[in-house]
Protein backbone atom coordinates (compact mmCIF):
# COMPACT_ATOMS: atom_id res chain seq x y z
CA MET A 1 101.01 68.51 117.26
CA LEU A 2 101.46 70.64 114.17
CA LEU A 3 98.43 72.89 113.78
CA PRO A 4 97.11 74.29 110.50
CA SER A 5 98.04 77.84 109.63
CA ILE A 6 95.57 80.66 109.32
CA SER A 7 97.07 81.18 105.90
CA SER A 8 94.91 78.25 104.79
CA MET A 9 91.77 80.29 105.43
CA SER A 10 89.81 81.86 102.63
CA PHE A 11 90.95 85.44 103.24
CA SER A 12 94.34 87.01 102.61
CA PRO A 13 96.22 86.87 105.95
CA LEU A 14 97.55 90.41 105.65
CA PHE A 15 94.17 91.89 104.79
CA PRO A 16 91.54 90.29 107.07
CA PRO A 17 87.87 90.83 106.16
CA SER A 18 85.44 92.96 108.02
CA SER A 19 84.55 91.54 111.42
CA SER A 20 80.89 91.71 110.49
CA SER A 21 81.19 89.41 107.49
CA PRO A 22 80.20 85.73 107.55
CA THR A 23 83.72 84.86 106.40
CA PHE A 24 85.15 86.49 109.53
CA HIS A 25 82.98 84.46 111.88
CA ARG A 26 83.69 81.24 110.00
CA ASN A 27 87.45 81.87 110.02
CA TYR A 28 87.45 82.83 113.66
CA SER A 29 85.72 79.55 114.44
CA LEU A 30 88.52 77.76 112.56
CA PHE A 31 91.08 79.82 114.48
CA TYR A 32 89.66 78.67 117.80
CA HIS A 33 89.29 75.06 116.79
CA HIS A 34 92.80 74.79 115.35
CA HIS A 35 94.89 77.13 117.45
CA LEU A 36 93.38 77.71 120.86
CA LEU A 37 92.06 74.21 121.60
CA PRO A 38 93.78 70.86 121.08
CA HIS A 39 92.03 68.77 118.45
CA HIS A 40 91.05 66.10 120.96
CA GLN A 41 89.43 68.60 123.33
CA CYS A 42 85.75 69.28 122.87
CA LEU A 43 83.51 71.57 124.86
CA LYS A 44 83.17 70.42 128.41
CA PRO A 45 82.17 71.96 131.74
CA LEU A 46 84.83 73.69 133.78
CA SER A 47 86.43 71.42 136.35
CA HIS A 48 85.99 72.84 139.81
CA ASN A 49 89.23 71.09 140.80
CA ASN A 50 91.03 73.45 138.44
CA THR A 51 88.93 76.57 138.72
CA ASN A 52 87.70 76.51 142.30
CA LEU A 53 84.28 77.80 141.29
CA THR A 54 82.23 76.36 144.16
CA LEU A 55 79.80 78.78 145.71
CA LYS A 56 80.01 80.03 149.24
CA ALA A 57 77.85 78.31 151.86
CA LYS A 58 74.99 80.82 151.74
CA SER A 59 75.09 81.45 148.00
CA HIS A 60 72.78 80.44 145.20
CA SER A 61 70.76 77.27 145.81
CA LEU A 62 72.72 74.12 144.96
CA GLY A 63 69.67 72.19 143.75
CA PRO A 64 71.21 71.01 140.41
CA ALA A 65 74.54 69.20 140.34
CA SER A 66 77.66 71.38 140.48
CA SER A 67 78.55 70.54 136.87
CA SER A 68 75.18 71.91 135.85
CA LEU A 69 75.92 75.15 137.71
CA GLU A 70 79.29 75.39 136.04
CA SER A 71 77.61 74.92 132.69
CA GLU A 72 75.28 77.81 133.54
CA VAL A 73 78.27 80.03 134.24
CA VAL A 74 79.87 79.09 130.91
CA GLU A 75 76.58 79.60 129.09
CA GLY A 76 76.09 83.01 130.68
CA ILE A 77 79.57 84.17 129.69
CA ALA A 78 79.14 82.64 126.22
CA GLU A 79 75.94 84.61 125.69
CA ILE A 80 77.68 87.84 126.74
CA VAL A 81 80.44 87.09 124.22
CA ALA A 82 77.89 86.25 121.53
CA GLU A 83 75.97 89.46 122.19
CA ALA A 84 79.27 91.32 121.66
CA GLY A 85 79.29 90.08 118.08
CA VAL A 86 81.08 86.71 118.16
CA GLU A 87 79.50 83.96 116.09
CA PRO A 88 78.86 81.06 115.83
CA GLN A 89 77.75 79.85 119.25
CA ILE A 90 80.43 77.19 119.53
CA VAL A 91 83.13 79.88 119.35
CA SER A 92 81.60 81.98 122.12
CA GLU A 93 81.30 78.83 124.24
CA GLU A 94 84.96 77.99 123.66
CA ILE A 95 85.99 81.48 124.76
CA ALA A 96 83.87 81.14 127.90
CA SER A 97 85.29 77.70 128.70
CA LYS A 98 88.86 79.07 128.53
CA ALA A 99 88.25 81.97 130.94
CA PRO A 100 88.07 80.20 134.35
CA GLN A 101 89.38 83.13 136.41
CA TYR A 102 86.86 85.49 134.88
CA ALA A 103 84.13 82.94 135.62
CA LYS A 104 85.32 82.67 139.21
CA MET A 105 85.25 86.45 139.60
CA LEU A 106 81.64 86.58 138.38
CA ARG A 107 80.57 83.68 140.61
CA ASP A 108 82.21 85.29 143.61
CA SER A 109 80.22 88.45 142.90
CA VAL A 110 77.02 86.39 142.61
CA ALA A 111 77.80 84.61 145.86
CA GLU A 112 78.41 87.89 147.68
CA LEU A 113 75.10 89.37 146.55
CA ASP A 114 73.31 86.10 147.37
CA GLU A 115 74.81 86.02 150.83
CA LEU A 116 73.83 89.59 151.62
CA ALA A 117 70.48 89.33 149.82
CA LEU A 118 71.27 92.52 147.93
CA TRP A 119 69.94 91.64 144.52
CA ASN A 120 66.84 93.87 144.86
CA SER A 121 68.76 96.95 145.92
CA TRP A 122 71.66 96.30 143.64
CA MET A 123 69.45 95.86 140.57
CA LYS A 124 67.23 98.79 141.67
CA VAL A 125 64.13 96.79 140.71
CA GLU A 126 61.86 94.37 142.49
CA MET A 127 62.82 90.75 142.11
CA ALA A 128 60.57 88.89 139.76
CA ALA A 129 58.21 86.33 141.14
CA ALA A 130 60.55 83.59 139.97
CA PRO A 131 64.12 83.81 141.34
CA LEU A 132 66.86 84.69 138.86
CA THR A 133 68.84 81.75 137.55
CA LEU A 134 72.60 81.60 138.05
CA LYS A 135 73.09 82.27 134.32
CA GLU A 136 70.93 85.38 134.47
CA LYS A 137 72.85 86.68 137.46
CA ILE A 138 76.19 85.95 135.74
CA LYS A 139 75.04 87.85 132.66
CA TYR A 140 73.78 90.78 134.68
CA ILE A 141 77.05 91.21 136.59
CA ALA A 142 79.09 90.79 133.41
CA LYS A 143 77.05 93.52 131.72
CA GLU A 144 77.48 95.80 134.72
CA LYS A 145 81.25 95.41 134.46
CA GLY A 146 80.97 96.75 130.91
CA ASP A 147 83.87 94.93 129.25
CA ASN A 148 81.55 93.55 126.54
CA GLY A 149 83.23 90.16 126.44
CA LYS A 150 86.79 91.40 126.08
CA ILE A 151 88.00 90.14 129.47
CA PRO A 152 87.04 86.48 128.89
CA TYR A 153 88.38 86.66 125.36
CA LEU A 154 91.76 88.01 126.50
CA GLU A 155 91.96 85.40 129.24
CA SER A 156 91.18 82.70 126.67
CA LEU A 157 94.33 83.80 124.82
CA GLY A 158 96.44 83.01 127.88
CA LEU A 159 96.57 86.40 129.64
CA SER A 160 96.21 86.50 133.39
CA LEU A 161 92.94 87.89 134.72
CA ALA A 162 94.67 91.03 136.01
CA SER A 163 96.29 91.65 132.62
CA ALA A 164 93.02 90.96 130.82
CA ILE A 165 91.14 93.46 133.02
CA HIS A 166 93.84 96.12 132.56
CA LEU A 167 93.98 95.62 128.80
CA ALA A 168 90.18 95.58 128.48
CA ARG A 169 90.12 99.04 130.07
CA LEU A 170 92.66 100.28 127.54
CA LEU A 171 90.57 98.77 124.75
CA SER A 172 87.24 100.06 126.02
CA SER A 173 86.57 102.00 122.83
CA GLN A 174 87.04 98.91 120.63
CA SER A 175 84.46 96.26 119.92
CA LEU A 176 85.19 92.63 120.67
CA SER A 177 84.95 91.67 117.00
CA SER A 178 87.47 94.40 116.12
CA LEU A 179 89.81 93.10 118.83
CA ILE A 180 89.51 89.55 117.53
CA GLN A 181 90.30 90.75 114.03
CA LYS A 182 93.43 92.48 115.31
CA VAL A 183 94.60 89.41 117.26
CA LEU A 184 94.17 87.27 114.14
CA TYR A 185 96.31 89.71 112.19
CA VAL A 186 99.06 89.85 114.83
CA LYS A 187 99.06 86.07 115.05
CA GLU A 188 99.41 85.71 111.31
CA ILE A 189 102.26 88.19 110.88
CA CYS A 190 104.23 87.10 113.95
CA PHE A 191 103.67 83.37 114.32
CA SER A 192 103.25 81.87 110.87
CA GLY A 193 106.82 81.91 109.57
CA SER A 194 109.50 79.21 109.80
CA ASP A 195 108.51 75.79 111.11
CA ASP A 196 111.66 75.66 113.24
CA LYS A 197 110.59 77.84 116.15
CA ARG A 198 113.80 77.16 118.08
CA GLN A 199 115.97 79.22 115.73
CA ILE A 200 114.42 82.51 116.83
CA GLY A 201 115.30 81.66 120.43
CA LYS A 202 118.92 81.03 119.46
CA ARG A 203 119.04 84.37 117.70
CA ALA A 204 117.58 86.15 120.73
CA ARG A 205 120.25 84.64 122.99
CA ARG A 206 123.02 85.59 120.59
CA MET A 207 121.76 89.16 120.35
CA MET A 208 121.74 89.45 124.14
CA LEU A 209 125.17 87.80 124.42
CA TYR A 210 126.84 90.47 122.29
CA LEU A 211 125.05 93.48 123.77
CA SER A 212 127.44 95.62 125.78
CA ILE A 213 126.21 99.20 125.38
CA SER A 214 123.79 101.41 127.26
CA ILE A 215 120.30 100.69 125.95
CA ASP A 216 117.20 102.75 125.37
CA GLU A 217 113.71 102.08 126.69
CA ASP A 218 112.68 100.07 123.62
CA LEU A 219 115.53 97.62 124.07
CA GLN A 220 114.94 97.46 127.82
CA GLN A 221 111.30 96.49 127.26
CA THR A 222 112.38 93.90 124.70
CA LEU A 223 114.83 92.32 127.14
CA SER A 224 112.13 92.23 129.83
CA PHE A 225 109.86 90.46 127.34
CA PHE A 226 112.62 87.90 126.65
CA GLU A 227 113.11 87.35 130.38
CA LYS A 228 109.44 86.46 130.80
CA ILE A 229 109.67 83.90 128.02
CA GLU A 230 112.96 82.54 129.36
CA ALA A 231 111.33 81.86 132.72
CA ARG A 232 108.80 79.54 131.08
CA ARG A 233 109.34 75.87 130.37
CA GLY A 234 111.32 75.67 127.14
CA GLY A 235 112.71 79.16 127.63
CA LEU A 236 113.44 81.33 124.61
CA ASN A 237 113.03 78.31 122.35
CA MET A 238 109.31 79.03 122.78
CA LEU A 239 109.56 82.64 121.60
CA GLY A 240 108.05 81.70 118.25
CA SER A 241 105.15 79.79 119.80
CA PHE A 242 101.82 81.64 119.84
CA ASP A 243 100.50 79.62 122.77
CA THR A 244 103.51 80.52 124.92
CA SER A 245 104.67 83.98 123.96
CA PHE A 246 101.59 85.85 122.74
CA ARG A 247 100.47 86.46 126.31
CA TYR A 248 103.83 87.97 127.26
CA LEU A 249 104.05 89.94 124.03
CA ILE A 250 100.74 91.66 124.80
CA GLU A 251 101.44 92.06 128.51
CA SER A 252 104.83 93.65 127.71
CA PHE A 253 103.54 95.76 124.82
CA PRO A 254 99.79 96.25 125.40
CA ARG A 255 99.70 99.20 123.01
CA ILE A 256 100.04 96.72 120.11
CA LEU A 257 96.31 96.04 120.37
CA LEU A 258 95.60 99.77 120.34
CA LEU A 259 97.23 100.14 116.93
CA SER A 260 95.24 100.28 113.74
CA VAL A 261 95.75 97.39 111.37
CA GLU A 262 95.31 99.65 108.36
CA SER A 263 97.20 102.73 109.57
CA ASN A 264 100.00 101.16 111.61
CA MET A 265 100.54 97.44 111.14
CA LYS A 266 100.17 97.14 107.38
CA PRO A 267 102.50 100.10 106.67
CA MET A 268 105.19 98.40 108.81
CA MET A 269 104.75 95.16 106.88
CA ASN A 270 104.96 97.07 103.60
CA PHE A 271 108.12 98.80 104.79
CA MET A 272 109.80 95.47 105.58
CA GLU A 273 108.72 94.04 102.24
CA ASN A 274 110.16 97.04 100.38
CA ALA A 275 113.36 96.75 102.41
CA GLY A 276 113.80 93.16 101.26
CA VAL A 277 112.75 91.23 104.36
CA PRO A 278 111.36 87.85 103.20
CA ARG A 279 107.74 87.32 104.19
CA GLU A 280 108.60 84.26 106.29
CA CYS A 281 111.11 86.30 108.31
CA MET A 282 108.92 89.31 109.13
CA GLY A 283 107.38 87.70 112.21
CA ASP A 284 110.80 86.90 113.65
CA VAL A 285 111.90 90.50 113.14
CA LEU A 286 108.86 91.79 115.05
CA LEU A 287 109.17 89.24 117.87
CA LEU A 288 112.86 89.99 118.32
CA PHE A 289 112.13 93.72 118.46
CA PRO A 290 108.40 94.36 119.19
CA PRO A 291 108.80 98.18 119.46
CA LEU A 292 108.94 98.13 115.65
CA PHE A 293 105.15 97.91 115.78
CA PHE A 294 105.11 101.54 116.93
CA ARG A 295 107.71 102.95 114.52
CA ASP A 296 107.25 104.80 111.25
CA ILE A 297 110.65 104.13 109.69
CA GLU A 298 109.82 105.71 106.35
CA ALA A 299 108.90 108.94 108.12
CA GLU A 300 112.19 108.80 110.05
CA ILE A 301 114.14 108.36 106.83
CA GLY A 302 112.23 111.22 105.26
CA ALA A 303 113.02 113.43 108.25
CA GLY A 304 116.75 112.74 107.85
CA SER A 305 117.12 110.90 111.16
CA TRP A 306 118.22 107.64 109.55
CA THR A 307 121.77 106.72 110.54
CA PHE A 308 122.49 103.80 108.30
CA GLU A 309 122.31 105.60 104.99
CA MET A 310 126.05 105.93 105.54
CA VAL A 311 126.40 102.14 105.22
CA GLY A 312 124.43 102.14 102.02
CA ALA A 313 121.61 100.36 103.84
CA LEU A 314 118.63 102.02 102.26
CA ASP A 315 118.10 99.30 99.65
CA LYS A 316 117.69 95.52 99.94
CA LYS A 317 120.77 95.41 102.16
CA LEU A 318 118.61 96.87 104.93
CA GLY A 319 116.33 93.85 104.73
CA ARG A 320 119.26 91.49 105.20
CA MET A 321 120.48 93.54 108.15
CA LEU A 322 117.02 93.48 109.73
CA VAL A 323 116.75 89.71 109.41
CA LYS A 324 120.16 89.23 111.00
CA TYR A 325 119.76 91.90 113.68
CA PRO A 326 116.35 93.56 114.17
CA TRP A 327 117.82 95.75 116.90
CA VAL A 328 119.56 97.69 114.15
CA LEU A 329 116.53 100.01 114.29
CA SER A 330 117.00 100.74 117.99
CA LYS A 331 118.04 104.31 118.67
CA SER A 332 120.80 103.24 121.06
CA ILE A 333 122.21 100.88 118.41
CA GLN A 334 122.16 103.66 115.81
CA LYS A 335 124.02 105.93 118.19
CA ASN A 336 126.64 103.26 118.78
CA TYR A 337 127.25 103.08 115.03
CA ASN A 338 128.87 106.50 115.16
CA ASP A 339 130.94 105.48 118.18
CA ILE A 340 132.22 102.40 116.34
CA LEU A 341 133.18 104.46 113.30
CA ALA A 342 135.08 106.87 115.53
CA PHE A 343 136.92 104.00 117.22
CA PHE A 344 138.10 102.44 113.97
CA GLU A 345 139.06 105.83 112.62
CA THR A 346 141.62 106.06 115.42
CA GLU A 347 142.93 102.65 114.30
CA MET A 348 143.21 104.00 110.73
CA VAL A 349 140.95 101.28 109.36
CA PRO A 350 139.30 102.25 106.05
CA LYS A 351 135.70 103.26 106.61
CA VAL A 352 134.48 101.20 103.66
CA CYS A 353 135.76 98.05 105.38
CA ILE A 354 133.89 98.84 108.60
CA GLU A 355 130.69 99.56 106.69
CA ARG A 356 130.92 96.22 104.91
CA ALA A 357 131.61 94.43 108.19
CA ILE A 358 128.53 96.01 109.77
CA ARG A 359 126.32 95.11 106.82
CA ASP A 360 127.47 91.49 106.93
CA TRP A 361 127.60 91.15 110.72
CA PRO A 362 125.36 93.81 112.31
CA LEU A 363 125.75 92.18 115.74
CA LEU A 364 128.84 94.40 115.94
CA LEU A 365 126.53 97.34 116.50
CA GLY A 366 125.61 96.05 119.94
CA CYS A 367 129.23 96.04 121.09
CA SER A 368 130.97 98.90 122.79
CA ALA A 369 134.38 100.03 121.56
CA SER A 370 135.90 98.76 124.81
CA LYS A 371 134.63 95.26 123.98
CA LEU A 372 136.10 95.38 120.48
CA LYS A 373 139.49 96.74 121.52
CA PRO A 374 140.98 93.47 122.95
CA MET A 375 140.54 91.69 119.61
CA ILE A 376 142.00 94.65 117.72
CA GLU A 377 145.05 94.33 119.95
CA GLU A 378 145.33 90.63 119.05
CA PHE A 379 145.34 91.53 115.36
CA ASP A 380 147.95 94.19 116.00
CA ASP A 381 150.16 91.70 117.84
CA GLN A 382 150.24 89.56 114.68
CA GLY A 383 151.20 92.54 112.56
CA VAL A 384 147.76 93.01 110.99
CA ARG A 385 146.97 96.73 111.09
CA THR A 386 145.27 99.55 109.17
CA THR A 387 144.41 98.40 105.64
CA LYS A 388 145.20 94.72 106.31
CA LEU A 389 143.07 94.90 109.44
CA GLY A 390 140.24 96.44 107.45
CA LYS A 391 140.32 93.67 104.84
CA ALA A 392 140.37 90.98 107.53
CA ILE A 393 137.43 92.57 109.36
CA ALA A 394 135.46 92.98 106.15
CA THR A 395 136.03 89.30 105.32
CA SER A 396 135.36 87.87 108.80
CA PRO A 397 133.67 90.52 110.97
CA GLN A 398 132.61 87.84 113.47
CA LEU A 399 136.25 87.67 114.60
CA LEU A 400 135.77 90.96 116.43
CA LEU A 401 133.29 89.21 118.75
CA ARG A 402 135.69 86.41 119.69
CA ARG A 403 137.29 86.11 123.06
CA PRO A 404 141.04 86.79 122.85
CA GLU A 405 141.87 83.48 124.52
CA GLU A 406 140.01 81.59 121.79
CA PHE A 407 141.89 83.53 119.12
CA ARG A 408 145.22 82.75 120.81
CA LYS A 409 144.50 79.00 120.72
CA VAL A 410 144.67 79.15 116.91
CA VAL A 411 147.86 81.21 117.05
CA ILE A 412 149.48 78.62 119.34
CA PHE A 413 148.33 75.80 117.06
CA LEU A 414 149.98 77.45 114.04
CA GLN A 415 153.15 78.06 116.04
CA ASP A 416 153.26 74.37 116.90
CA VAL A 417 152.92 73.50 113.20
CA GLY A 418 156.05 75.57 112.55
CA PHE A 419 154.90 79.05 111.55
CA ASP A 420 156.71 82.15 112.72
CA LYS A 421 154.93 85.35 113.74
CA GLU A 422 155.17 86.97 110.32
CA SER A 423 153.70 83.91 108.59
CA ILE A 424 150.83 83.75 111.08
CA GLY A 425 150.07 87.40 110.35
CA THR A 426 150.09 86.63 106.62
CA ILE A 427 147.63 83.77 107.12
CA LEU A 428 145.42 85.97 109.33
CA ALA A 429 145.28 88.69 106.68
CA ARG A 430 144.61 86.23 103.85
CA CYS A 431 142.17 83.80 105.52
CA PRO A 432 140.88 85.26 108.81
CA GLU A 433 138.09 82.64 108.92
CA ILE A 434 140.68 80.17 110.24
CA PHE A 435 140.79 82.10 113.51
CA ALA A 436 137.03 81.95 114.02
CA THR A 437 137.02 78.29 115.05
CA ARG A 438 136.06 77.28 118.59
CA THR A 439 138.36 74.25 118.54
CA VAL A 440 141.63 73.43 116.76
CA GLU A 441 141.08 69.66 116.90
CA ASN A 442 139.56 69.68 113.42
CA TYR A 443 142.63 71.47 112.10
CA GLN A 444 144.85 68.81 113.62
CA LYS A 445 142.83 66.07 111.91
CA LYS A 446 143.28 67.80 108.56
CA LEU A 447 147.03 67.91 109.03
CA GLU A 448 146.95 64.20 109.84
CA PHE A 449 145.09 63.66 106.57
CA LEU A 450 147.91 65.36 104.69
CA THR A 451 150.57 63.26 106.38
CA SER A 452 148.55 60.13 105.56
CA LEU A 453 149.05 61.01 101.89
CA GLY A 454 152.81 60.91 102.38
CA ILE A 455 153.48 64.60 103.00
CA SER A 456 156.17 65.04 105.65
CA GLU A 457 155.61 67.17 108.73
CA LYS A 458 158.41 69.52 107.68
CA ASP A 459 156.47 70.28 104.47
CA LEU A 460 153.19 71.09 106.27
CA PRO A 461 154.00 74.80 106.84
CA ARG A 462 154.77 75.18 103.11
CA VAL A 463 151.48 73.49 102.14
CA ILE A 464 149.34 75.54 104.56
CA LYS A 465 151.06 78.83 103.84
CA LYS A 466 150.32 78.51 100.11
CA TYR A 467 146.75 77.37 100.70
CA PRO A 468 145.55 78.21 104.26
CA GLU A 469 141.94 77.77 103.08
CA PHE A 470 142.53 74.01 103.33
CA LEU A 471 142.07 74.26 107.11
CA ILE A 472 138.48 75.46 106.70
CA SER A 473 137.59 73.15 103.80
CA ASP A 474 135.43 70.04 104.05
CA VAL A 475 137.89 67.23 103.43
CA ASP A 476 135.32 64.47 102.99
CA SER A 477 132.98 66.26 100.60
CA THR A 478 135.43 68.35 98.56
CA VAL A 479 139.12 67.38 98.91
CA LYS A 480 138.88 63.59 98.84
CA PRO A 481 136.71 63.47 95.68
CA ARG A 482 139.26 65.68 93.89
CA LEU A 483 142.15 63.44 94.86
CA ARG A 484 140.21 60.33 93.85
CA TYR A 485 139.60 61.89 90.44
CA LEU A 486 143.33 62.53 89.95
CA MET A 487 144.15 58.94 90.92
CA ASN A 488 141.53 57.59 88.52
CA ALA A 489 143.16 59.72 85.84
CA GLY A 490 146.40 57.78 86.29
CA LEU A 491 148.27 59.49 89.13
CA THR A 492 149.47 57.66 92.24
CA GLU A 493 149.13 58.79 95.83
CA ARG A 494 152.87 59.58 95.81
CA HIS A 495 152.41 61.72 92.72
CA ILE A 496 149.58 63.62 94.38
CA ALA A 497 151.59 64.22 97.57
CA THR A 498 154.40 65.66 95.46
CA MET A 499 151.97 67.90 93.60
CA ILE A 500 150.42 69.19 96.84
CA VAL A 501 153.82 70.08 98.28
CA ARG A 502 154.74 71.92 95.08
CA PHE A 503 151.38 73.67 94.64
CA SER A 504 148.89 73.17 97.48
CA PRO A 505 146.08 75.36 95.97
CA LEU A 506 145.50 72.24 93.87
CA LEU A 507 143.42 71.02 96.86
CA GLY A 508 140.83 73.71 96.20
CA TYR A 509 140.19 73.23 92.47
CA SER A 510 136.81 72.01 91.26
CA ILE A 511 136.72 68.75 89.29
CA GLU A 512 134.18 69.93 86.75
CA GLU A 513 135.41 73.50 86.32
CA VAL A 514 139.19 72.99 86.48
CA LEU A 515 140.65 69.50 86.85
CA ARG A 516 138.66 67.56 84.24
CA PRO A 517 138.71 70.08 81.35
CA LYS A 518 142.40 70.88 81.78
CA LEU A 519 143.50 67.23 82.06
CA GLN A 520 141.44 66.35 79.00
CA PHE A 521 143.03 69.20 77.04
CA LEU A 522 146.48 68.11 78.23
CA VAL A 523 146.04 64.50 77.14
CA TYR A 524 143.72 64.64 74.13
CA THR A 525 144.66 67.97 72.54
CA MET A 526 148.23 68.59 73.61
CA GLY A 527 149.12 64.89 73.41
CA LYS A 528 151.06 64.92 76.67
CA SER A 529 151.17 62.41 79.48
CA VAL A 530 149.01 63.05 82.52
CA LYS A 531 152.16 62.71 84.62
CA GLU A 532 153.48 66.03 83.28
CA VAL A 533 151.30 67.81 85.86
CA VAL A 534 153.35 66.14 88.62
CA ASP A 535 156.36 68.27 87.66
CA TYR A 536 154.25 71.38 87.13
CA PRO A 537 150.91 71.23 89.05
CA ARG A 538 150.61 74.99 88.68
CA TYR A 539 149.32 74.18 85.19
CA PHE A 540 145.84 73.96 86.72
CA SER A 541 146.01 77.58 87.91
CA TYR A 542 146.21 79.15 84.44
CA SER A 543 143.22 80.23 82.37
CA MET A 544 142.37 77.77 79.65
CA GLU A 545 141.08 80.39 77.23
CA LYS A 546 143.48 83.23 77.97
CA LYS A 547 146.77 81.38 78.37
CA ILE A 548 146.86 77.60 77.91
CA LYS A 549 145.07 77.31 74.54
CA PRO A 550 146.57 80.40 72.85
CA ARG A 551 150.14 79.50 73.73
CA PHE A 552 149.77 75.84 72.82
CA LEU A 553 148.17 76.62 69.48
CA LEU A 554 150.87 79.13 68.68
CA LEU A 555 153.63 76.64 69.50
CA ARG A 556 151.97 73.80 67.59
CA SER A 557 151.66 75.97 64.50
CA ARG A 558 155.46 76.23 64.54
CA ASN A 559 156.09 72.59 65.52
CA ILE A 560 157.59 73.58 68.85
CA ASN A 561 157.25 71.10 71.72
CA ILE A 562 158.23 72.39 75.15
CA SER A 563 157.42 71.52 78.77
CA LEU A 564 154.40 72.90 80.61
CA LYS A 565 156.61 75.01 82.82
CA VAL A 566 158.45 76.61 79.93
CA MET A 567 155.19 77.20 78.08
CA LEU A 568 153.28 78.77 80.97
CA ALA A 569 155.61 80.11 83.68
CA LYS A 570 156.88 83.07 81.70
CA ASN A 571 154.92 86.27 81.30
CA ASP A 572 153.70 87.34 77.88
CA ASP A 573 156.75 89.46 77.05
CA GLU A 574 159.21 86.75 78.12
CA PHE A 575 157.29 84.07 76.23
CA THR A 576 157.17 86.15 73.02
CA THR A 577 160.86 87.04 73.22
CA GLU A 578 161.95 83.45 73.76
CA PHE A 579 159.64 82.10 71.05
CA LEU A 580 160.88 84.63 68.48
CA ALA A 581 164.44 83.81 69.39
CA ILE A 582 163.76 80.11 68.74
CA GLU A 583 162.11 80.91 65.42
CA ARG A 584 165.05 83.14 64.26
CA THR A 585 167.56 80.49 65.24
CA PHE A 586 165.56 77.86 63.36
CA VAL A 587 165.50 80.05 60.20
CA SER A 588 169.25 80.90 60.32
CA ASP A 589 170.18 77.20 60.70
CA LYS A 590 168.31 76.42 57.52
């Protein structure tokens, strides 16, 4: 069931109101109704089948029915919570009803004192004429424990009783209403982003997959947090779910609830906003790297301890890096940045290329040089080194994270098509994305498409070498519509096959930006047949404004009619020389 977001409440989610205001209590009631209880669930007594809250044999008198006793326990806890500042009553009752282990602990204490008849001595006062009710005893013991409602509240959020007790001790100086305010804030900033909660789990797995360096304590704690989520039903796909992961977030990083909203949490949110992290992505960044809650990045930058200023990452680029790879702010990752630069320096790869690769694909920062080296050797084997290697890495940095055997499958495929080693290296340097595929079957289907047009297998290497980008294009949505347009313009399939063999970049030209305006100019302005492009398909590659129009208008003004190839293939000097020669000959003949 999709539950309403806290952002629909009447206060700004990043600036919650004072916990003493009526708005706070009303919004907290909404929070409990919509986020901690299913809509179909109303208040009901605790089931002793689930909570095992039956009293010991010699405990409090069982005069009323057991459900009545259970209701007394819930009421007693609810009153303790209400006295701690939680309103309205229905909210305190909901908290009490979702803290069965806390209730059991209190009832066990009541049962022990009942059994030993120690109430007089334990309370240090004479028992009243009328025996204490179970609710009164529950309240008395709860007050003696001194948690002021924080333990049942923390258990109601999904924490185990042991974790709730431990955390309540850490939070002893905070009021319950202040704690609730903080939980609302953490929930809003971490769990109210994208509706597709599975994507954050995929990103977490990918980040772990490409981590091969020694890690610091922050990353170690983050991985332990992930492991706890992974062990749950749904695994890391549930990382973005409040109901599943909040408990483990707080158990793994209990100091989050010790932080000040105003002094710690809001400055971090402001930092991410200034860095260019979209609001809907901020929660994912924090869940993927919770130690960010405790960092003061702006102070680190001011102190000169910021590594990534060398990648030009102090502007909005930093926000994009954070969204892709929140671990970029880990100290061990920052250290590895220098190691990666040193490694590529030995390979004589331009630093600017490595910096661009890291900005576009910061997952590289989690890889050790030893993990990157096998792929560098694959590039080297194809003759792609130094500057060419740098350009390829800057264009497709994800190639460095490939397994060599996957890379070699593409090499073998191209060899089978008919390419030699030098040509494969040329393709790798020009269009490295081709080598990022996980399967070559799609490439084979695209070659079959070309042969279905009438292009012979012996011409395939020529076609692909001139336009390798065809292998990574979407044939159905881009190539086929272009070919249909040319056929509707009067060309046959045989014509088109001939054109592709002569000039295969034709496959990549946009209909609206290139094909239509240039064909219309050819037919309606130049007065030529559409079939002239069959002999010279390179016509489509020239600029309309800088070359085609000026040359045609110049020739027409002198009544000179020449082929497209003669008009366009020559450079400016050659064209001018030949044109002047024609004009002088024409004048001398007269």
